[in-house]
Full PDB file with SEQRES, HELIX, SHEET, SSBOND, CRYST1, ORIGX, SCALE, CONECT and MASTER records, all heavy atoms in Angstrom:
SEQRES   1 A   33  ARG VAL ASN PRO GLU PRO ILE ASP LEU ALA GLN HIS LEU          
SEQRES   2 A   33  PRO ARG PHE ILE GLU GLU ILE SER HIS ALA ASN LYS LEU          
SEQRES   3 A   33  PRO PRO SER THR ILE ASN LEU                                  
HELIX    1 AA1 LEU A    9  ASN A   24  1                                  16    
HELIX    2 AA2 PRO A   28  THR A   30  5                                   3    
CRYST1    1.000    1.000    1.000  90.00  90.00  90.00 P 1           1          
ORIGX1      1.000000  0.000000  0.000000        0.00000                         
ORIGX2      0.000000  1.000000  0.000000        0.00000                         
ORIGX3      0.000000  0.000000  1.000000        0.00000                         
SCALE1      1.000000  0.000000  0.000000        0.00000                         
SCALE2      0.000000  1.000000  0.000000        0.00000                         
SCALE3      0.000000  0.000000  1.000000        0.00000                         
ATOM      1  N   ARG A   1      -9.138  -6.894 -18.454  1.00  0.00           N  
ATOM      2  CA  ARG A   1      -9.749  -6.983 -17.120  1.00  0.00           C  
ATOM      3  C   ARG A   1      -9.564  -5.670 -16.379  1.00  0.00           C  
ATOM      4  O   ARG A   1      -8.700  -5.491 -15.574  1.00  0.00           O  
ATOM      5  CB  ARG A   1      -9.110  -8.126 -16.356  1.00  0.00           C  
ATOM      6  CG  ARG A   1      -9.495  -9.466 -16.876  1.00  0.00           C  
ATOM      7  CD  ARG A   1      -8.922 -10.597 -16.064  1.00  0.00           C  
ATOM      8  NE  ARG A   1      -7.760 -11.058 -16.754  1.00  0.00           N  
ATOM      9  CZ  ARG A   1      -6.707 -11.643 -16.172  1.00  0.00           C  
ATOM     10  NH1 ARG A   1      -6.692 -11.743 -14.874  1.00  0.00           N  
ATOM     11  NH2 ARG A   1      -5.702 -12.087 -16.857  1.00  0.00           N  
ATOM     12  N   VAL A   2     -10.393  -4.710 -16.727  1.00  0.00           N  
ATOM     13  CA  VAL A   2     -10.333  -3.357 -16.154  1.00  0.00           C  
ATOM     14  C   VAL A   2     -11.365  -3.207 -15.032  1.00  0.00           C  
ATOM     15  O   VAL A   2     -12.545  -3.461 -15.265  1.00  0.00           O  
ATOM     16  CB  VAL A   2     -10.544  -2.275 -17.267  1.00  0.00           C  
ATOM     17  CG1 VAL A   2     -10.459  -0.880 -16.652  1.00  0.00           C  
ATOM     18  CG2 VAL A   2      -9.536  -2.464 -18.365  1.00  0.00           C  
ATOM     19  N   ASN A   3     -10.936  -2.800 -13.862  1.00  0.00           N  
ATOM     20  CA  ASN A   3     -11.819  -2.508 -12.771  1.00  0.00           C  
ATOM     21  C   ASN A   3     -11.598  -1.032 -12.343  1.00  0.00           C  
ATOM     22  O   ASN A   3     -10.951  -0.803 -11.316  1.00  0.00           O  
ATOM     23  CB  ASN A   3     -11.560  -3.456 -11.618  1.00  0.00           C  
ATOM     24  CG  ASN A   3     -11.832  -4.903 -12.005  1.00  0.00           C  
ATOM     25  OD1 ASN A   3     -12.897  -5.228 -12.448  1.00  0.00           O  
ATOM     26  ND2 ASN A   3     -10.839  -5.749 -11.771  1.00  0.00           N  
ATOM     27  N   PRO A   4     -12.190  -0.124 -13.098  1.00  0.00           N  
ATOM     28  CA  PRO A   4     -11.967   1.302 -12.715  1.00  0.00           C  
ATOM     29  C   PRO A   4     -12.623   1.625 -11.403  1.00  0.00           C  
ATOM     30  O   PRO A   4     -13.658   1.087 -11.015  1.00  0.00           O  
ATOM     31  CB  PRO A   4     -12.651   2.084 -13.914  1.00  0.00           C  
ATOM     32  CG  PRO A   4     -13.601   1.104 -14.486  1.00  0.00           C  
ATOM     33  CD  PRO A   4     -13.049  -0.280 -14.232  1.00  0.00           C  
ATOM     34  N   GLU A   5     -11.943   2.551 -10.714  1.00  0.00           N  
ATOM     35  CA  GLU A   5     -12.486   3.045  -9.434  1.00  0.00           C  
ATOM     36  C   GLU A   5     -12.033   4.520  -9.307  1.00  0.00           C  
ATOM     37  O   GLU A   5     -11.057   4.915  -9.916  1.00  0.00           O  
ATOM     38  CB  GLU A   5     -11.976   2.233  -8.293  1.00  0.00           C  
ATOM     39  CG  GLU A   5     -10.454   2.255  -8.143  1.00  0.00           C  
ATOM     40  CD  GLU A   5      -9.936   1.451  -6.956  1.00  0.00           C  
ATOM     41  OE1 GLU A   5     -10.063   1.915  -5.819  1.00  0.00           O  
ATOM     42  OE2 GLU A   5      -9.442   0.323  -7.196  1.00  0.00           O  
ATOM     43  N   PRO A   6     -12.748   5.287  -8.519  1.00  0.00           N  
ATOM     44  CA  PRO A   6     -12.324   6.664  -8.324  1.00  0.00           C  
ATOM     45  C   PRO A   6     -11.016   6.715  -7.484  1.00  0.00           C  
ATOM     46  O   PRO A   6     -10.951   6.046  -6.447  1.00  0.00           O  
ATOM     47  CB  PRO A   6     -13.469   7.355  -7.529  1.00  0.00           C  
ATOM     48  CG  PRO A   6     -14.492   6.305  -7.333  1.00  0.00           C  
ATOM     49  CD  PRO A   6     -13.998   5.011  -7.866  1.00  0.00           C  
ATOM     50  N   ILE A   7     -10.031   7.437  -7.988  1.00  0.00           N  
ATOM     51  CA  ILE A   7      -8.732   7.538  -7.313  1.00  0.00           C  
ATOM     52  C   ILE A   7      -8.445   9.024  -7.159  1.00  0.00           C  
ATOM     53  O   ILE A   7      -8.431   9.764  -8.130  1.00  0.00           O  
ATOM     54  CB  ILE A   7      -7.618   6.862  -8.104  1.00  0.00           C  
ATOM     55  CG1 ILE A   7      -7.911   5.361  -8.290  1.00  0.00           C  
ATOM     56  CG2 ILE A   7      -6.274   7.041  -7.391  1.00  0.00           C  
ATOM     57  CD1 ILE A   7      -6.913   4.657  -9.243  1.00  0.00           C  
ATOM     58  N   ASP A   8      -8.212   9.429  -5.929  1.00  0.00           N  
ATOM     59  CA  ASP A   8      -7.771  10.819  -5.665  1.00  0.00           C  
ATOM     60  C   ASP A   8      -6.246  10.850  -5.766  1.00  0.00           C  
ATOM     61  O   ASP A   8      -5.550  10.339  -4.859  1.00  0.00           O  
ATOM     62  CB  ASP A   8      -8.276  11.282  -4.326  1.00  0.00           C  
ATOM     63  CG  ASP A   8      -7.959  12.783  -4.056  1.00  0.00           C  
ATOM     64  OD1 ASP A   8      -7.194  13.354  -4.820  1.00  0.00           O  
ATOM     65  OD2 ASP A   8      -8.521  13.331  -3.084  1.00  0.00           O  
ATOM     66  N   LEU A   9      -5.746  11.408  -6.828  1.00  0.00           N  
ATOM     67  CA  LEU A   9      -4.267  11.430  -7.061  1.00  0.00           C  
ATOM     68  C   LEU A   9      -3.539  12.185  -5.948  1.00  0.00           C  
ATOM     69  O   LEU A   9      -2.395  11.865  -5.643  1.00  0.00           O  
ATOM     70  CB  LEU A   9      -3.979  12.015  -8.409  1.00  0.00           C  
ATOM     71  CG  LEU A   9      -4.499  11.239  -9.621  1.00  0.00           C  
ATOM     72  CD1 LEU A   9      -4.190  11.979 -10.942  1.00  0.00           C  
ATOM     73  CD2 LEU A   9      -3.908   9.838  -9.673  1.00  0.00           C  
ATOM     74  N   ALA A  10      -4.207  13.179  -5.347  1.00  0.00           N  
ATOM     75  CA  ALA A  10      -3.546  13.928  -4.288  1.00  0.00           C  
ATOM     76  C   ALA A  10      -3.278  13.099  -3.060  1.00  0.00           C  
ATOM     77  O   ALA A  10      -2.307  13.296  -2.351  1.00  0.00           O  
ATOM     78  CB  ALA A  10      -4.467  15.114  -3.892  1.00  0.00           C  
ATOM     79  N   GLN A  11      -4.067  12.002  -2.881  1.00  0.00           N  
ATOM     80  CA  GLN A  11      -3.803  11.088  -1.777  1.00  0.00           C  
ATOM     81  C   GLN A  11      -3.016   9.901  -2.220  1.00  0.00           C  
ATOM     82  O   GLN A  11      -2.160   9.384  -1.462  1.00  0.00           O  
ATOM     83  CB  GLN A  11      -5.148  10.598  -1.209  1.00  0.00           C  
ATOM     84  CG  GLN A  11      -6.000  11.656  -0.515  1.00  0.00           C  
ATOM     85  CD  GLN A  11      -7.282  11.117   0.046  1.00  0.00           C  
ATOM     86  OE1 GLN A  11      -7.556   9.924  -0.014  1.00  0.00           O  
ATOM     87  NE2 GLN A  11      -8.130  11.998   0.557  1.00  0.00           N  
ATOM     88  N   HIS A  12      -3.204   9.434  -3.419  1.00  0.00           N  
ATOM     89  CA  HIS A  12      -2.535   8.210  -3.936  1.00  0.00           C  
ATOM     90  C   HIS A  12      -1.055   8.446  -4.241  1.00  0.00           C  
ATOM     91  O   HIS A  12      -0.209   7.589  -3.936  1.00  0.00           O  
ATOM     92  CB  HIS A  12      -3.288   7.722  -5.169  1.00  0.00           C  
ATOM     93  CG  HIS A  12      -2.743   6.430  -5.725  1.00  0.00           C  
ATOM     94  ND1 HIS A  12      -2.964   5.216  -5.062  1.00  0.00           N  
ATOM     95  CD2 HIS A  12      -2.001   6.131  -6.803  1.00  0.00           C  
ATOM     96  CE1 HIS A  12      -2.361   4.248  -5.752  1.00  0.00           C  
ATOM     97  NE2 HIS A  12      -1.775   4.789  -6.782  1.00  0.00           N  
ATOM     98  N   LEU A  13      -0.705   9.519  -4.895  1.00  0.00           N  
ATOM     99  CA  LEU A  13       0.635   9.748  -5.373  1.00  0.00           C  
ATOM    100  C   LEU A  13       1.689   9.863  -4.289  1.00  0.00           C  
ATOM    101  O   LEU A  13       2.806   9.351  -4.439  1.00  0.00           O  
ATOM    102  CB  LEU A  13       0.669  10.916  -6.344  1.00  0.00           C  
ATOM    103  CG  LEU A  13      -0.006  10.658  -7.687  1.00  0.00           C  
ATOM    104  CD1 LEU A  13       0.058  11.918  -8.595  1.00  0.00           C  
ATOM    105  CD2 LEU A  13       0.585   9.467  -8.412  1.00  0.00           C  
ATOM    106  N   PRO A  14       1.425  10.607  -3.173  1.00  0.00           N  
ATOM    107  CA  PRO A  14       2.445  10.633  -2.121  1.00  0.00           C  
ATOM    108  C   PRO A  14       2.852   9.252  -1.594  1.00  0.00           C  
ATOM    109  O   PRO A  14       4.024   8.956  -1.358  1.00  0.00           O  
ATOM    110  CB  PRO A  14       1.796  11.488  -1.041  1.00  0.00           C  
ATOM    111  CG  PRO A  14       0.823  12.339  -1.783  1.00  0.00           C  
ATOM    112  CD  PRO A  14       0.301  11.498  -2.837  1.00  0.00           C  
ATOM    113  N   ARG A  15       1.818   8.372  -1.409  1.00  0.00           N  
ATOM    114  CA  ARG A  15       2.119   6.982  -1.006  1.00  0.00           C  
ATOM    115  C   ARG A  15       2.982   6.266  -2.052  1.00  0.00           C  
ATOM    116  O   ARG A  15       3.930   5.543  -1.760  1.00  0.00           O  
ATOM    117  CB  ARG A  15       0.865   6.255  -0.672  1.00  0.00           C  
ATOM    118  CG  ARG A  15       0.208   6.679   0.573  1.00  0.00           C  
ATOM    119  CD  ARG A  15      -0.937   5.746   0.975  1.00  0.00           C  
ATOM    120  NE  ARG A  15      -2.007   5.672   0.040  1.00  0.00           N  
ATOM    121  CZ  ARG A  15      -3.134   6.354   0.121  1.00  0.00           C  
ATOM    122  NH1 ARG A  15      -3.317   7.188   1.122  1.00  0.00           N  
ATOM    123  NH2 ARG A  15      -4.067   6.223  -0.798  1.00  0.00           N  
ATOM    124  N   PHE A  16       2.589   6.476  -3.327  1.00  0.00           N  
ATOM    125  CA  PHE A  16       3.316   5.840  -4.457  1.00  0.00           C  
ATOM    126  C   PHE A  16       4.757   6.315  -4.463  1.00  0.00           C  
ATOM    127  O   PHE A  16       5.690   5.469  -4.615  1.00  0.00           O  
ATOM    128  CB  PHE A  16       2.617   6.146  -5.766  1.00  0.00           C  
ATOM    129  CG  PHE A  16       3.332   5.643  -6.963  1.00  0.00           C  
ATOM    130  CD1 PHE A  16       3.220   4.304  -7.347  1.00  0.00           C  
ATOM    131  CD2 PHE A  16       4.208   6.458  -7.665  1.00  0.00           C  
ATOM    132  CE1 PHE A  16       3.952   3.810  -8.451  1.00  0.00           C  
ATOM    133  CE2 PHE A  16       4.913   6.003  -8.757  1.00  0.00           C  
ATOM    134  CZ  PHE A  16       4.806   4.691  -9.130  1.00  0.00           C  
ATOM    135  N   ILE A  17       4.970   7.576  -4.315  1.00  0.00           N  
ATOM    136  CA  ILE A  17       6.334   8.137  -4.296  1.00  0.00           C  
ATOM    137  C   ILE A  17       7.188   7.544  -3.168  1.00  0.00           C  
ATOM    138  O   ILE A  17       8.323   7.210  -3.339  1.00  0.00           O  
ATOM    139  CB  ILE A  17       6.291   9.653  -4.281  1.00  0.00           C  
ATOM    140  CG1 ILE A  17       5.801  10.223  -5.596  1.00  0.00           C  
ATOM    141  CG2 ILE A  17       7.670  10.225  -3.967  1.00  0.00           C  
ATOM    142  CD1 ILE A  17       5.477  11.687  -5.585  1.00  0.00           C  
ATOM    143  N   GLU A  18       6.533   7.415  -2.024  1.00  0.00           N  
ATOM    144  CA  GLU A  18       7.240   6.817  -0.848  1.00  0.00           C  
ATOM    145  C   GLU A  18       7.686   5.417  -1.174  1.00  0.00           C  
ATOM    146  O   GLU A  18       8.787   4.993  -0.868  1.00  0.00           O  
ATOM    147  CB  GLU A  18       6.322   6.883   0.337  1.00  0.00           C  
ATOM    148  CG  GLU A  18       6.978   6.411   1.617  1.00  0.00           C  
ATOM    149  CD  GLU A  18       6.031   6.511   2.821  1.00  0.00           C  
ATOM    150  OE1 GLU A  18       5.184   7.429   2.843  1.00  0.00           O  
ATOM    151  OE2 GLU A  18       6.183   5.691   3.743  1.00  0.00           O  
ATOM    152  N   GLU A  19       6.792   4.635  -1.813  1.00  0.00           N  
ATOM    153  CA  GLU A  19       7.078   3.208  -2.130  1.00  0.00           C  
ATOM    154  C   GLU A  19       8.233   3.120  -3.153  1.00  0.00           C  
ATOM    155  O   GLU A  19       9.141   2.292  -2.961  1.00  0.00           O  
ATOM    156  CB  GLU A  19       5.865   2.531  -2.640  1.00  0.00           C  
ATOM    157  CG  GLU A  19       4.790   2.234  -1.610  1.00  0.00           C  
ATOM    158  CD  GLU A  19       3.507   1.647  -2.211  1.00  0.00           C  
ATOM    159  OE1 GLU A  19       3.554   1.113  -3.332  1.00  0.00           O  
ATOM    160  OE2 GLU A  19       2.513   1.732  -1.530  1.00  0.00           O  
ATOM    161  N   ILE A  20       8.139   3.878  -4.231  1.00  0.00           N  
ATOM    162  CA  ILE A  20       9.172   3.756  -5.254  1.00  0.00           C  
ATOM    163  C   ILE A  20      10.502   4.310  -4.798  1.00  0.00           C  
ATOM    164  O   ILE A  20      11.555   3.798  -5.151  1.00  0.00           O  
ATOM    165  CB  ILE A  20       8.709   4.377  -6.576  1.00  0.00           C  
ATOM    166  CG1 ILE A  20       9.606   3.873  -7.717  1.00  0.00           C  
ATOM    167  CG2 ILE A  20       8.727   5.929  -6.535  1.00  0.00           C  
ATOM    168  CD1 ILE A  20       9.051   4.169  -9.122  1.00  0.00           C  
ATOM    169  N   SER A  21      10.480   5.312  -3.920  1.00  0.00           N  
ATOM    170  CA  SER A  21      11.737   5.858  -3.367  1.00  0.00           C  
ATOM    171  C   SER A  21      12.391   4.826  -2.443  1.00  0.00           C  
ATOM    172  O   SER A  21      13.601   4.638  -2.506  1.00  0.00           O  
ATOM    173  CB  SER A  21      11.455   7.152  -2.593  1.00  0.00           C  
ATOM    174  OG  SER A  21      10.921   8.126  -3.435  1.00  0.00           O  
ATOM    175  N   HIS A  22      11.569   4.153  -1.652  1.00  0.00           N  
ATOM    176  CA  HIS A  22      12.086   3.128  -0.780  1.00  0.00           C  
ATOM    177  C   HIS A  22      12.674   1.964  -1.564  1.00  0.00           C  
ATOM    178  O   HIS A  22      13.713   1.453  -1.275  1.00  0.00           O  
ATOM    179  CB  HIS A  22      10.992   2.627   0.159  1.00  0.00           C  
ATOM    180  CG  HIS A  22      11.400   1.574   1.128  1.00  0.00           C  
ATOM    181  ND1 HIS A  22      12.233   1.855   2.204  1.00  0.00           N  
ATOM    182  CD2 HIS A  22      11.162   0.249   1.158  1.00  0.00           C  
ATOM    183  CE1 HIS A  22      12.488   0.716   2.827  1.00  0.00           C  
ATOM    184  NE2 HIS A  22      11.815  -0.263   2.228  1.00  0.00           N  
ATOM    185  N   ALA A  23      11.951   1.549  -2.601  1.00  0.00           N  
ATOM    186  CA  ALA A  23      12.419   0.414  -3.436  1.00  0.00           C  
ATOM    187  C   ALA A  23      13.746   0.741  -4.130  1.00  0.00           C  
ATOM    188  O   ALA A  23      14.569  -0.164  -4.377  1.00  0.00           O  
ATOM    189  CB  ALA A  23      11.349   0.071  -4.491  1.00  0.00           C  
ATOM    190  N   ASN A  24      13.979   2.027  -4.485  1.00  0.00           N  
ATOM    191  CA  ASN A  24      15.211   2.432  -5.158  1.00  0.00           C  
ATOM    192  C   ASN A  24      16.272   2.922  -4.229  1.00  0.00           C  
ATOM    193  O   ASN A  24      17.324   3.449  -4.646  1.00  0.00           O  
ATOM    194  CB  ASN A  24      14.871   3.475  -6.250  1.00  0.00           C  
ATOM    195  CG  ASN A  24      14.196   2.854  -7.437  1.00  0.00           C  
ATOM    196  OD1 ASN A  24      14.861   2.233  -8.308  1.00  0.00           O  
ATOM    197  ND2 ASN A  24      12.896   2.979  -7.524  1.00  0.00           N  
ATOM    198  N   LYS A  25      15.953   2.945  -2.881  1.00  0.00           N  
ATOM    199  CA  LYS A  25      16.902   3.428  -1.843  1.00  0.00           C  
ATOM    200  C   LYS A  25      17.303   4.888  -2.155  1.00  0.00           C  
ATOM    201  O   LYS A  25      18.445   5.236  -2.119  1.00  0.00           O  
ATOM    202  CB  LYS A  25      18.100   2.507  -1.763  1.00  0.00           C  
ATOM    203  CG  LYS A  25      17.761   1.137  -1.285  1.00  0.00           C  
ATOM    204  CD  LYS A  25      18.995   0.246  -1.222  1.00  0.00           C  
ATOM    205  CE  LYS A  25      18.728  -1.145  -0.651  1.00  0.00           C  
ATOM    206  NZ  LYS A  25      17.722  -1.920  -1.400  1.00  0.00           N  
ATOM    207  N   LEU A  26      16.256   5.681  -2.453  1.00  0.00           N  
ATOM    208  CA  LEU A  26      16.472   7.104  -2.711  1.00  0.00           C  
ATOM    209  C   LEU A  26      15.707   7.945  -1.750  1.00  0.00           C  
ATOM    210  O   LEU A  26      14.642   7.492  -1.269  1.00  0.00           O  
ATOM    211  CB  LEU A  26      16.052   7.451  -4.170  1.00  0.00           C  
ATOM    212  CG  LEU A  26      16.770   6.824  -5.325  1.00  0.00           C  
ATOM    213  CD1 LEU A  26      16.021   7.037  -6.606  1.00  0.00           C  
ATOM    214  CD2 LEU A  26      18.181   7.416  -5.445  1.00  0.00           C  
ATOM    215  N   PRO A  27      16.177   9.141  -1.408  1.00  0.00           N  
ATOM    216  CA  PRO A  27      15.364  10.036  -0.549  1.00  0.00           C  
ATOM    217  C   PRO A  27      14.093  10.410  -1.318  1.00  0.00           C  
ATOM    218  O   PRO A  27      14.145  10.619  -2.538  1.00  0.00           O  
ATOM    219  CB  PRO A  27      16.278  11.205  -0.298  1.00  0.00           C  
ATOM    220  CG  PRO A  27      17.345  11.148  -1.330  1.00  0.00           C  
ATOM    221  CD  PRO A  27      17.490   9.747  -1.768  1.00  0.00           C  
ATOM    222  N   PRO A  28      12.967  10.475  -0.637  1.00  0.00           N  
ATOM    223  CA  PRO A  28      11.693  10.855  -1.344  1.00  0.00           C  
ATOM    224  C   PRO A  28      11.798  12.214  -2.024  1.00  0.00           C  
ATOM    225  O   PRO A  28      11.015  12.475  -2.987  1.00  0.00           O  
ATOM    226  CB  PRO A  28      10.675  10.898  -0.210  1.00  0.00           C  
ATOM    227  CG  PRO A  28      11.237   9.990   0.860  1.00  0.00           C  
ATOM    228  CD  PRO A  28      12.734  10.135   0.728  1.00  0.00           C  
ATOM    229  N   SER A  29      12.756  13.068  -1.644  1.00  0.00           N  
ATOM    230  CA  SER A  29      12.870  14.392  -2.238  1.00  0.00           C  
ATOM    231  C   SER A  29      13.374  14.292  -3.641  1.00  0.00           C  
ATOM    232  O   SER A  29      13.347  15.305  -4.382  1.00  0.00           O  
ATOM    233  CB  SER A  29      13.813  15.257  -1.406  1.00  0.00           C  
ATOM    234  OG  SER A  29      15.113  14.678  -1.275  1.00  0.00           O  
ATOM    235  N   THR A  30      13.836  13.111  -4.121  1.00  0.00           N  
ATOM    236  CA  THR A  30      14.283  12.957  -5.475  1.00  0.00           C  
ATOM    237  C   THR A  30      13.131  13.152  -6.433  1.00  0.00           C  
ATOM    238  O   THR A  30      13.299  13.611  -7.561  1.00  0.00           O  
ATOM    239  CB  THR A  30      14.930  11.544  -5.698  1.00  0.00           C  
ATOM    240  OG1 THR A  30      15.962  11.340  -4.717  1.00  0.00           O  
ATOM    241  CG2 THR A  30      15.521  11.408  -7.061  1.00  0.00           C  
ATOM    242  N   ILE A  31      11.945  12.795  -5.956  1.00  0.00           N  
ATOM    243  CA  ILE A  31      10.722  12.895  -6.781  1.00  0.00           C  
ATOM    244  C   ILE A  31       9.871  14.047  -6.198  1.00  0.00           C  
ATOM    245  O   ILE A  31       9.462  13.969  -5.052  1.00  0.00           O  
ATOM    246  CB  ILE A  31       9.937  11.626  -6.806  1.00  0.00           C  
ATOM    247  CG1 ILE A  31      10.797  10.465  -7.351  1.00  0.00           C  
ATOM    248  CG2 ILE A  31       8.657  11.778  -7.678  1.00  0.00           C  
ATOM    249  CD1 ILE A  31      10.138   9.111  -7.301  1.00  0.00           C  
ATOM    250  N   ASN A  32       9.622  15.048  -7.039  1.00  0.00           N  
ATOM    251  CA  ASN A  32       8.888  16.200  -6.625  1.00  0.00           C  
ATOM    252  C   ASN A  32       7.431  16.057  -7.135  1.00  0.00           C  
ATOM    253  O   ASN A  32       7.213  15.787  -8.297  1.00  0.00           O  
ATOM    254  CB  ASN A  32       9.524  17.501  -7.121  1.00  0.00           C  
ATOM    255  CG  ASN A  32       8.846  18.746  -6.662  1.00  0.00           C  
ATOM    256  OD1 ASN A  32       8.323  18.771  -5.557  1.00  0.00           O  
ATOM    257  ND2 ASN A  32       8.800  19.768  -7.487  1.00  0.00           N  
ATOM    258  N   LEU A  33       6.472  16.296  -6.268  1.00  0.00           N  
ATOM    259  CA  LEU A  33       5.079  16.198  -6.652  1.00  0.00           C  
ATOM    260  C   LEU A  33       4.375  17.520  -6.588  1.00  0.00           C  
ATOM    261  O   LEU A  33       4.433  18.203  -5.579  1.00  0.00           O  
ATOM    262  CB  LEU A  33       4.355  15.188  -5.708  1.00  0.00           C  
ATOM    263  CG  LEU A  33       2.856  15.028  -5.872  1.00  0.00           C  
ATOM    264  CD1 LEU A  33       2.493  14.451  -7.247  1.00  0.00           C  
ATOM    265  CD2 LEU A  33       2.266  14.145  -4.822  1.00  0.00           C  
TER     266      LEU A  33                                                      
MASTER        0    0    0    2    0    0    0    6  265    1    0    3          
END                                                                             
């Protein structure tokens, strides 16, 4: 069940990093983009 869509990684990844950093209780600076 694939629903491809255009994703701008430059916009998507900063939000993703914020979410995973928050979930792991780590400062966002742990992950460099």
